[in-house]
């Protein structure tokens, strides 16, 4: 019996990917940081539209 609990799939597994075997980046951004960045960009665009309207 195998020591670990991973399931081995056949070589041709119909487009399914094993995400635990993927490349792990050295740069990890938390979901919270992404949301804060997006809110900041949206707020910046709104401020620009209010103070410097085009046209």
N, C-alpha and C. Protein backbone atom coordinates (compact mmCIF):
# COMPACT_ATOMS: atom_id res chain seq x y z
N UNK A 1 0.83 -1.17 0.00
CA UNK A 1 0.00 0.00 0.00
C UNK A 1 0.89 1.24 0.00
N UNK A 2 0.44 2.28 -0.64
CA UNK A 2 1.22 3.50 -0.77
C UNK A 2 1.30 4.24 0.56
N UNK A 3 2.43 4.92 0.76
CA UNK A 3 2.63 5.66 2.00
C UNK A 3 1.84 6.97 2.04
N UNK A 4 1.65 7.62 0.87
CA UNK A 4 0.93 8.89 0.85
C UNK A 4 -0.49 8.68 0.34
N UNK A 5 -1.30 9.72 0.43
CA UNK A 5 -2.71 9.63 0.06
C UNK A 5 -2.99 10.19 -1.33
N UNK A 6 -1.96 10.43 -2.15
CA UNK A 6 -2.17 10.97 -3.48
C UNK A 6 -2.64 9.87 -4.42
N UNK A 7 -3.55 10.24 -5.31
CA UNK A 7 -4.06 9.31 -6.30
C UNK A 7 -3.31 9.52 -7.59
N UNK A 8 -2.75 8.47 -8.15
CA UNK A 8 -2.03 8.56 -9.41
C UNK A 8 -3.02 8.30 -10.55
N UNK A 9 -3.03 9.24 -11.52
CA UNK A 9 -3.93 9.11 -12.65
C UNK A 9 -3.14 8.59 -13.86
N UNK A 10 -3.84 8.01 -14.82
CA UNK A 10 -3.14 7.53 -16.01
C UNK A 10 -2.50 8.67 -16.80
N UNK A 11 -1.61 8.32 -17.73
CA UNK A 11 -0.87 9.31 -18.50
C UNK A 11 -1.76 10.25 -19.30
N UNK A 12 -2.79 9.75 -19.91
CA UNK A 12 -3.72 10.60 -20.68
C UNK A 12 -4.98 10.77 -19.83
N UNK A 13 -5.02 11.86 -19.12
CA UNK A 13 -6.16 12.02 -18.19
C UNK A 13 -7.12 13.10 -18.64
N UNK A 14 -7.33 13.24 -19.92
CA UNK A 14 -8.41 14.03 -20.48
C UNK A 14 -8.41 15.50 -20.12
N UNK A 15 -7.26 16.15 -20.05
CA UNK A 15 -7.22 17.57 -19.77
C UNK A 15 -7.24 17.92 -18.30
N UNK A 16 -7.39 16.95 -17.43
CA UNK A 16 -7.37 17.22 -16.00
C UNK A 16 -5.92 17.43 -15.57
N UNK A 17 -5.73 18.35 -14.63
CA UNK A 17 -4.37 18.64 -14.18
C UNK A 17 -4.26 18.34 -12.69
N UNK A 18 -3.09 17.92 -12.30
CA UNK A 18 -2.81 17.75 -10.88
C UNK A 18 -2.15 19.03 -10.41
N UNK A 19 -2.88 19.84 -9.66
CA UNK A 19 -2.38 21.15 -9.28
C UNK A 19 -1.30 21.08 -8.21
N UNK A 20 -1.19 19.99 -7.49
CA UNK A 20 -0.12 19.88 -6.51
C UNK A 20 1.23 19.63 -7.18
N UNK A 21 1.22 19.26 -8.45
CA UNK A 21 2.45 19.02 -9.19
C UNK A 21 2.85 20.24 -10.03
N UNK A 22 2.14 21.34 -9.87
CA UNK A 22 2.41 22.55 -10.64
C UNK A 22 3.65 23.26 -10.12
N UNK A 23 4.11 24.22 -10.90
CA UNK A 23 5.23 25.06 -10.52
C UNK A 23 4.81 26.00 -9.39
N UNK A 24 5.62 26.12 -8.38
CA UNK A 24 5.33 27.02 -7.26
C UNK A 24 6.23 28.25 -7.38
N UNK A 25 5.61 29.41 -7.50
CA UNK A 25 6.34 30.65 -7.67
C UNK A 25 6.99 31.09 -6.36
N UNK A 26 8.08 31.84 -6.47
CA UNK A 26 8.72 32.40 -5.29
C UNK A 26 7.96 33.62 -4.79
N UNK A 27 7.13 34.20 -5.66
CA UNK A 27 6.35 35.38 -5.30
C UNK A 27 4.91 34.95 -5.06
N UNK A 28 4.45 35.14 -3.84
CA UNK A 28 3.07 34.79 -3.50
C UNK A 28 2.35 36.06 -3.04
N UNK A 29 1.22 36.35 -3.67
CA UNK A 29 0.42 37.51 -3.31
C UNK A 29 -0.87 36.99 -2.68
N UNK A 30 -1.18 37.48 -1.52
CA UNK A 30 -2.39 37.02 -0.85
C UNK A 30 -3.62 37.60 -1.54
N UNK A 31 -4.74 36.92 -1.47
CA UNK A 31 -5.98 37.43 -2.06
C UNK A 31 -6.39 38.77 -1.44
N UNK A 32 -6.10 38.96 -0.17
CA UNK A 32 -6.42 40.21 0.50
C UNK A 32 -5.64 41.37 -0.13
N UNK A 33 -4.38 41.16 -0.45
CA UNK A 33 -3.56 42.20 -1.07
C UNK A 33 -4.07 42.55 -2.47
N UNK A 34 -4.54 41.55 -3.21
CA UNK A 34 -5.07 41.79 -4.55
C UNK A 34 -6.33 42.64 -4.46
N UNK A 35 -7.22 42.32 -3.54
CA UNK A 35 -8.46 43.08 -3.37
C UNK A 35 -8.16 44.52 -2.96
N UNK A 36 -7.23 44.70 -2.02
CA UNK A 36 -6.86 46.05 -1.58
C UNK A 36 -6.29 46.84 -2.75
N UNK A 37 -5.45 46.23 -3.56
CA UNK A 37 -4.88 46.90 -4.73
C UNK A 37 -5.97 47.30 -5.73
N UNK A 38 -6.91 46.41 -5.99
CA UNK A 38 -7.98 46.73 -6.93
C UNK A 38 -8.86 47.87 -6.42
N UNK A 39 -9.18 47.86 -5.13
CA UNK A 39 -9.98 48.94 -4.55
C UNK A 39 -9.21 50.26 -4.65
N UNK A 40 -7.92 50.24 -4.41
CA UNK A 40 -7.11 51.45 -4.51
C UNK A 40 -7.08 51.99 -5.94
N UNK A 41 -6.96 51.12 -6.92
CA UNK A 41 -6.96 51.54 -8.32
C UNK A 41 -8.32 52.14 -8.70
N UNK A 42 -9.40 51.50 -8.28
CA UNK A 42 -10.74 52.02 -8.56
C UNK A 42 -10.94 53.38 -7.91
N UNK A 43 -10.51 53.53 -6.66
CA UNK A 43 -10.64 54.81 -5.97
C UNK A 43 -9.81 55.88 -6.68
N UNK A 44 -8.62 55.54 -7.14
CA UNK A 44 -7.77 56.49 -7.85
C UNK A 44 -8.44 56.97 -9.14
N UNK A 45 -9.03 56.05 -9.88
CA UNK A 45 -9.71 56.40 -11.13
C UNK A 45 -10.91 57.30 -10.84
N UNK A 46 -11.68 56.99 -9.80
CA UNK A 46 -12.83 57.82 -9.44
C UNK A 46 -12.38 59.22 -9.05
N UNK A 47 -11.32 59.34 -8.27
CA UNK A 47 -10.79 60.65 -7.88
C UNK A 47 -10.34 61.42 -9.11
N UNK A 48 -9.67 60.79 -10.04
CA UNK A 48 -9.25 61.45 -11.27
C UNK A 48 -10.45 61.95 -12.07
N UNK A 49 -11.50 61.15 -12.16
CA UNK A 49 -12.68 61.56 -12.90
C UNK A 49 -13.40 62.72 -12.24
N UNK A 50 -13.37 62.80 -10.91
CA UNK A 50 -14.05 63.88 -10.19
C UNK A 50 -13.26 65.18 -10.32
N UNK A 51 -11.96 65.16 -10.13
CA UNK A 51 -11.17 66.38 -10.11
C UNK A 51 -10.68 66.82 -11.47
N UNK A 52 -10.53 65.90 -12.42
CA UNK A 52 -10.08 66.25 -13.75
C UNK A 52 -10.99 65.61 -14.79
N UNK A 53 -12.21 66.13 -14.92
CA UNK A 53 -13.13 65.53 -15.91
C UNK A 53 -12.66 65.82 -17.34
N UNK A 54 -12.87 64.88 -18.20
CA UNK A 54 -12.47 65.03 -19.60
C UNK A 54 -13.65 65.55 -20.39
N UNK A 55 -13.41 66.60 -21.18
CA UNK A 55 -14.40 67.09 -22.11
C UNK A 55 -15.24 68.17 -21.64
